[in-house]
Amino acid sequence: MSRTFPKAGVDYPGSYGGVLAWFPDDEACRDYLDWLRWPNGFRCPLCGSATGWRLVDGRWSCRGCARRVSATAGTIFHRTRTPLTIWFAAAWSMTSDKQGVSALGL
């Protein structure tokens, strides 16, 4: 993936079918958010350690300080009960339609 300027179809889906293919489940959405937050790999925001592992719940555990970190922390997705697949589909709909999208359309 390109790290400088995102391109449709390369760094993000270019169609709604692409959204469904790229993000079939919440795990794929979390992987994408990990890439956006840590493009060069996981780095702990507390101690700066680059070593960690992914926990079952999708968060990262830092090897240096044992802090648990989520890619959704500090975003609109933090502590959401709505599946990330729904959020991603809604975000794609809102940003891809030239006239915008209505609440009923969502």
PDB file of N, CA and C in Angstrom:
ATOM      1  N   MET A   1       0.826  -1.183   0.000  1.00  0.00           N
ATOM      2  CA  MET A   1       0.000   0.000   0.000  1.00  0.00           C
ATOM      3  C   MET A   1       0.867   1.241   0.000  1.00  0.00           C
ATOM      4  N   SER A   2       0.398   2.244  -0.668  1.00  0.00           N
ATOM      5  CA  SER A   2       1.111   3.507  -0.738  1.00  0.00           C
ATOM      6  C   SER A   2       1.025   4.231   0.600  1.00  0.00           C
ATOM      7  N   ARG A   3       2.110   4.795   1.043  1.00  0.00           N
ATOM      8  CA  ARG A   3       2.125   5.469   2.344  1.00  0.00           C
ATOM      9  C   ARG A   3       2.034   6.990   2.208  1.00  0.00           C
ATOM     10  N   THR A   4       2.166   7.541   1.007  1.00  0.00           N
ATOM     11  CA  THR A   4       2.177   8.986   0.872  1.00  0.00           C
ATOM     12  C   THR A   4       0.802   9.547   0.531  1.00  0.00           C
ATOM     13  N   PHE A   5       0.231   9.169  -0.585  1.00  0.00           N
ATOM     14  CA  PHE A   5      -1.078   9.660  -0.988  1.00  0.00           C
ATOM     15  C   PHE A   5      -1.995   8.472  -1.237  1.00  0.00           C
ATOM     16  N   PRO A   6      -3.077   8.359  -0.479  1.00  0.00           N
ATOM     17  CA  PRO A   6      -3.971   7.220  -0.674  1.00  0.00           C
ATOM     18  C   PRO A   6      -4.649   7.260  -2.038  1.00  0.00           C
ATOM     19  N   LYS A   7      -4.796   6.090  -2.656  1.00  0.00           N
ATOM     20  CA  LYS A   7      -5.441   5.970  -3.952  1.00  0.00           C
ATOM     21  C   LYS A   7      -6.617   5.008  -3.843  1.00  0.00           C
ATOM     22  N   ALA A   8      -7.748   5.385  -4.457  1.00  0.00           N
ATOM     23  CA  ALA A   8      -8.928   4.522  -4.469  1.00  0.00           C
ATOM     24  C   ALA A   8      -8.592   3.204  -5.136  1.00  0.00           C
ATOM     25  N   GLY A   9      -9.052   2.133  -4.528  1.00  0.00           N
ATOM     26  CA  GLY A   9      -8.791   0.809  -5.059  1.00  0.00           C
ATOM     27  C   GLY A   9      -7.452   0.244  -4.641  1.00  0.00           C
ATOM     28  N   VAL A  10      -6.565   1.104  -4.136  1.00  0.00           N
ATOM     29  CA  VAL A  10      -5.257   0.655  -3.671  1.00  0.00           C
ATOM     30  C   VAL A  10      -5.187   0.767  -2.147  1.00  0.00           C
ATOM     31  N   ASP A  11      -5.457   1.955  -1.623  1.00  0.00           N
ATOM     32  CA  ASP A  11      -5.392   2.201  -0.181  1.00  0.00           C
ATOM     33  C   ASP A  11      -6.763   2.177   0.493  1.00  0.00           C
ATOM     34  N   TYR A  12      -7.811   2.322  -0.280  1.00  0.00           N
ATOM     35  CA  TYR A  12      -9.172   2.207   0.219  1.00  0.00           C
ATOM     36  C   TYR A  12     -10.056   1.772  -0.938  1.00  0.00           C
ATOM     37  N   PRO A  13     -11.202   1.153  -0.643  1.00  0.00           N
ATOM     38  CA  PRO A  13     -12.055   0.625  -1.712  1.00  0.00           C
ATOM     39  C   PRO A  13     -12.608   1.723  -2.611  1.00  0.00           C
ATOM     40  N   GLY A  14     -12.731   1.415  -3.886  1.00  0.00           N
ATOM     41  CA  GLY A  14     -13.258   2.377  -4.850  1.00  0.00           C
ATOM     42  C   GLY A  14     -14.742   2.223  -5.115  1.00  0.00           C
ATOM     43  N   SER A  15     -15.358   1.169  -4.576  1.00  0.00           N
ATOM     44  CA  SER A  15     -16.787   0.934  -4.786  1.00  0.00           C
ATOM     45  C   SER A  15     -17.372   0.271  -3.540  1.00  0.00           C
ATOM     46  N   TYR A  16     -18.713   0.236  -3.493  1.00  0.00           N
ATOM     47  CA  TYR A  16     -19.357  -0.401  -2.347  1.00  0.00           C
ATOM     48  C   TYR A  16     -19.060  -1.893  -2.322  1.00  0.00           C
ATOM     49  N   GLY A  17     -18.974  -2.503  -3.486  1.00  0.00           N
ATOM     50  CA  GLY A  17     -18.579  -3.906  -3.558  1.00  0.00           C
ATOM     51  C   GLY A  17     -17.187  -4.108  -2.994  1.00  0.00           C
ATOM     52  N   GLY A  18     -16.315  -3.130  -3.233  1.00  0.00           N
ATOM     53  CA  GLY A  18     -14.971  -3.171  -2.665  1.00  0.00           C
ATOM     54  C   GLY A  18     -14.990  -3.083  -1.152  1.00  0.00           C
ATOM     55  N   VAL A  19     -15.889  -2.269  -0.612  1.00  0.00           N
ATOM     56  CA  VAL A  19     -16.024  -2.148   0.844  1.00  0.00           C
ATOM     57  C   VAL A  19     -16.381  -3.507   1.440  1.00  0.00           C
ATOM     58  N   LEU A  20     -17.343  -4.181   0.796  1.00  0.00           N
ATOM     59  CA  LEU A  20     -17.766  -5.493   1.295  1.00  0.00           C
ATOM     60  C   LEU A  20     -16.658  -6.530   1.160  1.00  0.00           C
ATOM     61  N   ALA A  21     -15.862  -6.438   0.083  1.00  0.00           N
ATOM     62  CA  ALA A  21     -14.765  -7.387  -0.123  1.00  0.00           C
ATOM     63  C   ALA A  21     -13.585  -7.109   0.815  1.00  0.00           C
ATOM     64  N   TRP A  22     -13.244  -5.826   0.986  1.00  0.00           N
ATOM     65  CA  TRP A  22     -12.099  -5.461   1.832  1.00  0.00           C
ATOM     66  C   TRP A  22     -12.395  -5.675   3.309  1.00  0.00           C
ATOM     67  N   PHE A  23     -13.631  -5.408   3.717  1.00  0.00           N
ATOM     68  CA  PHE A  23     -13.985  -5.425   5.134  1.00  0.00           C
ATOM     69  C   PHE A  23     -15.151  -6.378   5.405  1.00  0.00           C
ATOM     70  N   PRO A  24     -14.926  -7.695   5.234  1.00  0.00           N
ATOM     71  CA  PRO A  24     -16.010  -8.652   5.443  1.00  0.00           C
ATOM     72  C   PRO A  24     -16.370  -8.859   6.919  1.00  0.00           C
ATOM     73  N   ASP A  25     -15.442  -8.505   7.816  1.00  0.00           N
ATOM     74  CA  ASP A  25     -15.692  -8.686   9.246  1.00  0.00           C
ATOM     75  C   ASP A  25     -14.930  -7.624  10.039  1.00  0.00           C
ATOM     76  N   ASP A  26     -15.210  -7.580  11.345  1.00  0.00           N
ATOM     77  CA  ASP A  26     -14.576  -6.572  12.200  1.00  0.00           C
ATOM     78  C   ASP A  26     -13.064  -6.752  12.289  1.00  0.00           C
ATOM     79  N   GLU A  27     -12.586  -7.977  12.156  1.00  0.00           N
ATOM     80  CA  GLU A  27     -11.145  -8.235  12.198  1.00  0.00           C
ATOM     81  C   GLU A  27     -10.438  -7.514  11.048  1.00  0.00           C
ATOM     82  N   ALA A  28     -11.009  -7.554   9.869  1.00  0.00           N
ATOM     83  CA  ALA A  28     -10.426  -6.863   8.715  1.00  0.00           C
ATOM     84  C   ALA A  28     -10.448  -5.347   8.929  1.00  0.00           C
ATOM     85  N   CYS A  29     -11.512  -4.852   9.540  1.00  0.00           N
ATOM     86  CA  CYS A  29     -11.600  -3.417   9.848  1.00  0.00           C
ATOM     87  C   CYS A  29     -10.522  -3.015  10.851  1.00  0.00           C
ATOM     88  N   ARG A  30     -10.330  -3.841  11.892  1.00  0.00           N
ATOM     89  CA  ARG A  30      -9.291  -3.551  12.883  1.00  0.00           C
ATOM     90  C   ARG A  30      -7.895  -3.587  12.258  1.00  0.00           C
ATOM     91  N   ASP A  31      -7.655  -4.530  11.345  1.00  0.00           N
ATOM     92  CA  ASP A  31      -6.366  -4.574  10.645  1.00  0.00           C
ATOM     93  C   ASP A  31      -6.118  -3.282   9.878  1.00  0.00           C
ATOM     94  N   TYR A  32      -7.150  -2.770   9.221  1.00  0.00           N
ATOM     95  CA  TYR A  32      -7.033  -1.531   8.455  1.00  0.00           C
ATOM     96  C   TYR A  32      -6.767  -0.346   9.385  1.00  0.00           C
ATOM     97  N   LEU A  33      -7.483  -0.298  10.511  1.00  0.00           N
ATOM     98  CA  LEU A  33      -7.257   0.785  11.477  1.00  0.00           C
ATOM     99  C   LEU A  33      -5.853   0.699  12.070  1.00  0.00           C
ATOM    100  N   ASP A  34      -5.356  -0.527  12.287  1.00  0.00           N
ATOM    101  CA  ASP A  34      -3.976  -0.700  12.755  1.00  0.00           C
ATOM    102  C   ASP A  34      -3.004  -0.100  11.748  1.00  0.00           C
ATOM    103  N   TRP A  35      -3.223  -0.367  10.464  1.00  0.00           N
ATOM    104  CA  TRP A  35      -2.348   0.158   9.420  1.00  0.00           C
ATOM    105  C   TRP A  35      -2.399   1.688   9.379  1.00  0.00           C
ATOM    106  N   LEU A  36      -3.585   2.249   9.545  1.00  0.00           N
ATOM    107  CA  LEU A  36      -3.702   3.709   9.542  1.00  0.00           C
ATOM    108  C   LEU A  36      -3.006   4.336  10.758  1.00  0.00           C
ATOM    109  N   ARG A  37      -3.160   3.724  11.915  1.00  0.00           N
ATOM    110  CA  ARG A  37      -2.591   4.281  13.147  1.00  0.00           C
ATOM    111  C   ARG A  37      -1.091   4.029  13.262  1.00  0.00           C
ATOM    112  N   TRP A  38      -0.656   2.835  12.843  1.00  0.00           N
ATOM    113  CA  TRP A  38       0.756   2.459  12.944  1.00  0.00           C
ATOM    114  C   TRP A  38       1.240   1.961  11.584  1.00  0.00           C
ATOM    115  N   PRO A  39       1.470   2.851  10.610  1.00  0.00           N
ATOM    116  CA  PRO A  39       1.853   2.411   9.259  1.00  0.00           C
ATOM    117  C   PRO A  39       3.171   1.643   9.212  1.00  0.00           C
ATOM    118  N   ASN A  40       4.039   1.848  10.182  1.00  0.00           N
ATOM    119  CA  ASN A  40       5.325   1.134  10.221  1.00  0.00           C
ATOM    120  C   ASN A  40       5.336   0.027  11.258  1.00  0.00           C
ATOM    121  N   GLY A  41       4.159  -0.415  11.688  1.00  0.00           N
ATOM    122  CA  GLY A  41       4.056  -1.450  12.706  1.00  0.00           C
ATOM    123  C   GLY A  41       3.699  -0.864  14.058  1.00  0.00           C
ATOM    124  N   PHE A  42       3.243  -1.716  14.947  1.00  0.00           N
ATOM    125  CA  PHE A  42       2.798  -1.289  16.276  1.00  0.00           C
ATOM    126  C   PHE A  42       3.905  -0.551  17.029  1.00  0.00           C
ATOM    127  N   ARG A  43       3.501   0.540  17.700  1.00  0.00           N
ATOM    128  CA  ARG A  43       4.396   1.277  18.580  1.00  0.00           C
ATOM    129  C   ARG A  43       3.555   1.741  19.770  1.00  0.00           C
ATOM    130  N   CYS A  44       4.002   1.394  20.968  1.00  0.00           N
ATOM    131  CA  CYS A  44       3.275   1.754  22.186  1.00  0.00           C
ATOM    132  C   CYS A  44       3.287   3.268  22.387  1.00  0.00           C
ATOM    133  N   PRO A  45       2.113   3.880  22.620  1.00  0.00           N
ATOM    134  CA  PRO A  45       2.083   5.324  22.843  1.00  0.00           C
ATOM    135  C   PRO A  45       2.640   5.747  24.198  1.00  0.00           C
ATOM    136  N   LEU A  46       2.772   4.796  25.141  1.00  0.00           N
ATOM    137  CA  LEU A  46       3.272   5.131  26.474  1.00  0.00           C
ATOM    138  C   LEU A  46       4.798   5.040  26.555  1.00  0.00           C
ATOM    139  N   CYS A  47       5.350   3.872  26.177  1.00  0.00           N
ATOM    140  CA  CYS A  47       6.796   3.680  26.341  1.00  0.00           C
ATOM    141  C   CYS A  47       7.567   3.699  25.022  1.00  0.00           C
ATOM    142  N   GLY A  48       6.862   3.651  23.890  1.00  0.00           N
ATOM    143  CA  GLY A  48       7.524   3.706  22.589  1.00  0.00           C
ATOM    144  C   GLY A  48       8.047   2.370  22.088  1.00  0.00           C
ATOM    145  N   SER A  49       7.795   1.296  22.821  1.00  0.00           N
ATOM    146  CA  SER A  49       8.254  -0.026  22.403  1.00  0.00           C
ATOM    147  C   SER A  49       7.573  -0.444  21.099  1.00  0.00           C
ATOM    148  N   ALA A  50       8.334  -1.076  20.230  1.00  0.00           N
ATOM    149  CA  ALA A  50       7.787  -1.556  18.959  1.00  0.00           C
ATOM    150  C   ALA A  50       7.431  -3.032  19.019  1.00  0.00           C
ATOM    151  N   THR A  51       7.511  -3.617  20.189  1.00  0.00           N
ATOM    152  CA  THR A  51       7.214  -5.031  20.337  1.00  0.00           C
ATOM    153  C   THR A  51       5.914  -5.204  21.099  1.00  0.00           C
ATOM    154  N   GLY A  52       5.019  -5.955  20.528  1.00  0.00           N
ATOM    155  CA  GLY A  52       3.750  -6.231  21.168  1.00  0.00           C
ATOM    156  C   GLY A  52       3.046  -7.348  20.434  1.00  0.00           C
ATOM    157  N   TRP A  53       1.926  -7.772  20.956  1.00  0.00           N
ATOM    158  CA  TRP A  53       1.166  -8.816  20.293  1.00  0.00           C
ATOM    159  C   TRP A  53      -0.309  -8.491  20.409  1.00  0.00           C
ATOM    160  N   ARG A  54      -1.057  -9.052  19.487  1.00  0.00           N
ATOM    161  CA  ARG A  54      -2.484  -8.792  19.438  1.00  0.00           C
ATOM    162  C   ARG A  54      -3.217  -9.749  20.372  1.00  0.00           C
ATOM    163  N   LEU A  55      -4.132  -9.185  21.145  1.00  0.00           N
ATOM    164  CA  LEU A  55      -4.948  -9.968  22.065  1.00  0.00           C
ATOM    165  C   LEU A  55      -6.200 -10.469  21.348  1.00  0.00           C
ATOM    166  N   VAL A  56      -6.900 -11.374  21.976  1.00  0.00           N
ATOM    167  CA  VAL A  56      -8.102 -11.962  21.385  1.00  0.00           C
ATOM    168  C   VAL A  56      -9.170 -10.906  21.102  1.00  0.00           C
ATOM    169  N   ASP A  57      -9.256  -9.879  21.950  1.00  0.00           N
ATOM    170  CA  ASP A  57     -10.288  -8.852  21.781  1.00  0.00           C
ATOM    171  C   ASP A  57      -9.914  -7.781  20.752  1.00  0.00           C
ATOM    172  N   GLY A  58      -8.768  -7.921  20.065  1.00  0.00           N
ATOM    173  CA  GLY A  58      -8.381  -6.986  19.016  1.00  0.00           C
ATOM    174  C   GLY A  58      -7.422  -5.901  19.470  1.00  0.00           C
ATOM    175  N   ARG A  59      -7.227  -5.749  20.781  1.00  0.00           N
ATOM    176  CA  ARG A  59      -6.276  -4.758  21.282  1.00  0.00           C
ATOM    177  C   ARG A  59      -4.866  -5.309  21.187  1.00  0.00           C
ATOM    178  N   TRP A  60      -3.888  -4.418  21.402  1.00  0.00           N
ATOM    179  CA  TRP A  60      -2.473  -4.800  21.419  1.00  0.00           C
ATOM    180  C   TRP A  60      -1.973  -4.744  22.847  1.00  0.00           C
ATOM    181  N   SER A  61      -1.091  -5.659  23.208  1.00  0.00           N
ATOM    182  CA  SER A  61      -0.433  -5.651  24.501  1.00  0.00           C
ATOM    183  C   SER A  61       1.037  -5.336  24.268  1.00  0.00           C
ATOM    184  N   CYS A  62       1.521  -4.285  24.905  1.00  0.00           N
ATOM    185  CA  CYS A  62       2.908  -3.862  24.754  1.00  0.00           C
ATOM    186  C   CYS A  62       3.825  -4.780  25.562  1.00  0.00           C
ATOM    187  N   ARG A  63       4.907  -5.199  24.948  1.00  0.00           N
ATOM    188  CA  ARG A  63       5.866  -6.048  25.653  1.00  0.00           C
ATOM    189  C   ARG A  63       6.675  -5.237  26.662  1.00  0.00           C
ATOM    190  N   GLY A  64       6.898  -3.964  26.368  1.00  0.00           N
ATOM    191  CA  GLY A  64       7.723  -3.137  27.245  1.00  0.00           C
ATOM    192  C   GLY A  64       7.055  -2.743  28.548  1.00  0.00           C
ATOM    193  N   CYS A  65       5.780  -2.334  28.480  1.00  0.00           N
ATOM    194  CA  CYS A  65       5.120  -1.826  29.689  1.00  0.00           C
ATOM    195  C   CYS A  65       3.805  -2.544  30.010  1.00  0.00           C
ATOM    196  N   ALA A  66       3.424  -3.517  29.199  1.00  0.00           N
ATOM    197  CA  ALA A  66       2.203  -4.306  29.388  1.00  0.00           C
ATOM    198  C   ALA A  66       0.922  -3.495  29.227  1.00  0.00           C
ATOM    199  N   ARG A  67       1.016  -2.303  28.665  1.00  0.00           N
ATOM    200  CA  ARG A  67      -0.175  -1.496  28.412  1.00  0.00           C
ATOM    201  C   ARG A  67      -0.979  -2.123  27.286  1.00  0.00           C
ATOM    202  N   ARG A  68      -2.288  -2.056  27.402  1.00  0.00           N
ATOM    203  CA  ARG A  68      -3.165  -2.538  26.343  1.00  0.00           C
ATOM    204  C   ARG A  68      -3.648  -1.354  25.538  1.00  0.00           C
ATOM    205  N   VAL A  69      -3.467  -1.438  24.225  1.00  0.00           N
ATOM    206  CA  VAL A  69      -3.741  -0.324  23.325  1.00  0.00           C
ATOM    207  C   VAL A  69      -4.674  -0.787  22.214  1.00  0.00           C
ATOM    208  N   SER A  70      -5.637   0.050  21.873  1.00  0.00           N
ATOM    209  CA  SER A  70      -6.564  -0.247  20.793  1.00  0.00           C
ATOM    210  C   SER A  70      -6.406   0.772  19.671  1.00  0.00           C
ATOM    211  N   ALA A  71      -6.529   0.315  18.454  1.00  0.00           N
ATOM    212  CA  ALA A  71      -6.459   1.229  17.307  1.00  0.00           C
ATOM    213  C   ALA A  71      -7.673   2.155  17.256  1.00  0.00           C
ATOM    214  N   THR A  72      -8.751   1.799  17.955  1.00  0.00           N
ATOM    215  CA  THR A  72      -9.951   2.632  17.954  1.00  0.00           C
ATOM    216  C   THR A  72      -9.930   3.703  19.049  1.00  0.00           C
ATOM    217  N   ALA A  73      -8.978   3.630  19.979  1.00  0.00           N
ATOM    218  CA  ALA A  73      -8.911   4.603  21.081  1.00  0.00           C
ATOM    219  C   ALA A  73      -8.709   6.013  20.532  1.00  0.00           C
ATOM    220  N   GLY A  74      -9.523   6.924  21.021  1.00  0.00           N
ATOM    221  CA  GLY A  74      -9.412   8.317  20.603  1.00  0.00           C
ATOM    222  C   GLY A  74     -10.065   8.602  19.260  1.00  0.00           C
ATOM    223  N   THR A  75     -10.855   7.675  18.755  1.00  0.00           N
ATOM    224  CA  THR A  75     -11.550   7.876  17.476  1.00  0.00           C
ATOM    225  C   THR A  75     -13.058   7.790  17.703  1.00  0.00           C
ATOM    226  N   ILE A  76     -13.823   8.003  16.652  1.00  0.00           N
ATOM    227  CA  ILE A  76     -15.277   7.867  16.771  1.00  0.00           C
ATOM    228  C   ILE A  76     -15.694   6.426  17.016  1.00  0.00           C
ATOM    229  N   PHE A  77     -14.783   5.487  16.789  1.00  0.00           N
ATOM    230  CA  PHE A  77     -15.081   4.073  16.981  1.00  0.00           C
ATOM    231  C   PHE A  77     -14.842   3.608  18.411  1.00  0.00           C
ATOM    232  N   HIS A  78     -14.281   4.459  19.261  1.00  0.00           N
ATOM    233  CA  HIS A  78     -13.935   4.072  20.627  1.00  0.00           C
ATOM    234  C   HIS A  78     -15.191   3.688  21.405  1.00  0.00           C
ATOM    235  N   ARG A  79     -15.171   2.489  21.975  1.00  0.00           N
ATOM    236  CA  ARG A  79     -16.257   1.942  22.793  1.00  0.00           C
ATOM    237  C   ARG A  79     -17.604   1.884  22.078  1.00  0.00           C
ATOM    238  N   THR A  80     -17.587   1.770  20.769  1.00  0.00           N
ATOM    239  CA  THR A  80     -18.839   1.654  20.032  1.00  0.00           C
ATOM    240  C   THR A  80     -19.397   0.249  20.157  1.00  0.00           C
ATOM    241  N   ARG A  81     -20.701   0.147  20.137  1.00  0.00           N
ATOM    242  CA  ARG A  81     -21.349  -1.168  20.137  1.00  0.00           C
ATOM    243  C   ARG A  81     -21.762  -1.558  18.725  1.00  0.00           C
ATOM    244  N   THR A  82     -21.685  -0.613  17.818  1.00  0.00           N
ATOM    245  CA  THR A  82     -22.000  -0.872  16.420  1.00  0.00           C
ATOM    246  C   THR A  82     -20.806  -1.556  15.772  1.00  0.00           C
ATOM    247  N   PRO A  83     -21.034  -2.622  15.015  1.00  0.00           N
ATOM    248  CA  PRO A  83     -19.905  -3.302  14.363  1.00  0.00           C
ATOM    249  C   PRO A  83     -19.130  -2.360  13.443  1.00  0.00           C
ATOM    250  N   LEU A  84     -17.823  -2.550  13.389  1.00  0.00           N
ATOM    251  CA  LEU A  84     -16.977  -1.702  12.542  1.00  0.00           C
ATOM    252  C   LEU A  84     -17.345  -1.827  11.071  1.00  0.00           C
ATOM    253  N   THR A  85     -17.863  -2.969  10.658  1.00  0.00           N
ATOM    254  CA  THR A  85     -18.269  -3.126   9.259  1.00  0.00           C
ATOM    255  C   THR A  85     -19.381  -2.144   8.905  1.00  0.00           C
ATOM    256  N   ILE A  86     -20.285  -1.902   9.833  1.00  0.00           N
ATOM    257  CA  ILE A  86     -21.372  -0.933   9.612  1.00  0.00           C
ATOM    258  C   ILE A  86     -20.801   0.478   9.559  1.00  0.00           C
ATOM    259  N   TRP A  87     -19.893   0.821  10.472  1.00  0.00           N
ATOM    260  CA  TRP A  87     -19.249   2.135  10.470  1.00  0.00           C
ATOM    261  C   TRP A  87     -18.520   2.382   9.154  1.00  0.00           C
ATOM    262  N   PHE A  88     -17.757   1.393   8.697  1.00  0.00           N
ATOM    263  CA  PHE A  88     -16.977   1.560   7.466  1.00  0.00           C
ATOM    264  C   PHE A  88     -17.890   1.739   6.262  1.00  0.00           C
ATOM    265  N   ALA A  89     -18.971   0.959   6.186  1.00  0.00           N
ATOM    266  CA  ALA A  89     -19.916   1.092   5.071  1.00  0.00           C
ATOM    267  C   ALA A  89     -20.577   2.473   5.104  1.00  0.00           C
ATOM    268  N   ALA A  90     -20.950   2.946   6.286  1.00  0.00           N
ATOM    269  CA  ALA A  90     -21.570   4.266   6.416  1.00  0.00           C
ATOM    270  C   ALA A  90     -20.586   5.373   6.029  1.00  0.00           C
ATOM    271  N   ALA A  91     -19.352   5.258   6.476  1.00  0.00           N
ATOM    272  CA  ALA A  91     -18.341   6.269   6.135  1.00  0.00           C
ATOM    273  C   ALA A  91     -18.086   6.298   4.642  1.00  0.00           C
ATOM    274  N   TRP A  92     -18.020   5.119   4.020  1.00  0.00           N
ATOM    275  CA  TRP A  92     -17.806   5.081   2.572  1.00  0.00           C
ATOM    276  C   TRP A  92     -18.983   5.718   1.847  1.00  0.00           C
ATOM    277  N   SER A  93     -20.208   5.430   2.287  1.00  0.00           N
ATOM    278  CA  SER A  93     -21.395   6.015   1.656  1.00  0.00           C
ATOM    279  C   SER A  93     -21.403   7.533   1.774  1.00  0.00           C
ATOM    280  N   MET A  94     -21.048   8.041   2.943  1.00  0.00           N
ATOM    281  CA  MET A  94     -21.066   9.498   3.156  1.00  0.00           C
ATOM    282  C   MET A  94     -19.997  10.217   2.347  1.00  0.00           C
ATOM    283  N   THR A  95     -18.865   9.588   2.134  1.00  0.00           N
ATOM    284  CA  THR A  95     -17.768  10.267   1.441  1.00  0.00           C
ATOM    285  C   THR A  95     -17.760  10.034  -0.062  1.00  0.00           C
ATOM    286  N   SER A  96     -18.511   9.065  -0.541  1.00  0.00           N
ATOM    287  CA  SER A  96     -18.449   8.755  -1.975  1.00  0.00           C
ATOM    288  C   SER A  96     -19.584   9.362  -2.779  1.00  0.00           C
ATOM    289  N   ASP A  97     -20.683   9.697  -2.148  1.00  0.00           N
ATOM    290  CA  ASP A  97     -21.823  10.262  -2.875  1.00  0.00           C
ATOM    291  C   ASP A  97     -21.678  11.773  -2.979  1.00  0.00           C
ATOM    292  N   LYS A  98     -21.744  12.285  -4.204  1.00  0.00           N
ATOM    293  CA  LYS A  98     -21.545  13.724  -4.416  1.00  0.00           C
ATOM    294  C   LYS A  98     -22.619  14.581  -3.770  1.00  0.00           C
ATOM    295  N   GLN A  99     -23.857  14.077  -3.696  1.00  0.00           N
ATOM    296  CA  GLN A  99     -24.954  14.833  -3.080  1.00  0.00           C
ATOM    297  C   GLN A  99     -25.081  14.542  -1.597  1.00  0.00           C
ATOM    298  N   GLY A 100     -24.239  13.706  -1.058  1.00  0.00           N
ATOM    299  CA  GLY A 100     -24.345  13.325   0.344  1.00  0.00           C
ATOM    300  C   GLY A 100     -25.304  12.163   0.498  1.00  0.00           C
ATOM    301  N   VAL A 101     -25.509  11.750   1.708  1.00  0.00           N
ATOM    302  CA  VAL A 101     -26.387  10.616   1.978  1.00  0.00           C
ATOM    303  C   VAL A 101     -27.340  11.016   3.090  1.00  0.00           C
ATOM    304  N   SER A 102     -28.598  10.595   2.960  1.00  0.00           N
ATOM    305  CA  SER A 102     -29.581  10.922   3.982  1.00  0.00           C
ATOM    306  C   SER A 102     -29.525   9.898   5.112  1.00  0.00           C
ATOM    307  N   ALA A 103     -30.113  10.249   6.227  1.00  0.00           N
ATOM    308  CA  ALA A 103     -30.174   9.316   7.343  1.00  0.00           C
ATOM    309  C   ALA A 103     -30.982   8.092   6.952  1.00  0.00           C
ATOM    310  N   LEU A 104     -32.024   8.288   6.161  1.00  0.00           N
ATOM    311  CA  LEU A 104     -32.830   7.160   5.704  1.00  0.00           C
ATOM    312  C   LEU A 104     -32.017   6.265   4.780  1.00  0.00           C
ATOM    313  N   GLY A 105     -31.163   6.869   3.970  1.00  0.00           N
ATOM    314  CA  GLY A 105     -30.306   6.093   3.072  1.00  0.00           C
ATOM    315  C   GLY A 105     -29.303   5.249   3.808  1.00  0.00           C
ATOM    316  N   LEU A 106     -28.855   5.734   4.951  1.00  0.00           N
ATOM    317  CA  LEU A 106     -27.918   4.937   5.764  1.00  0.00           C
ATOM    318  C   LEU A 106     -28.629   3.760   6.373  1.00  0.00           C
TER     319      LEU A 106
END
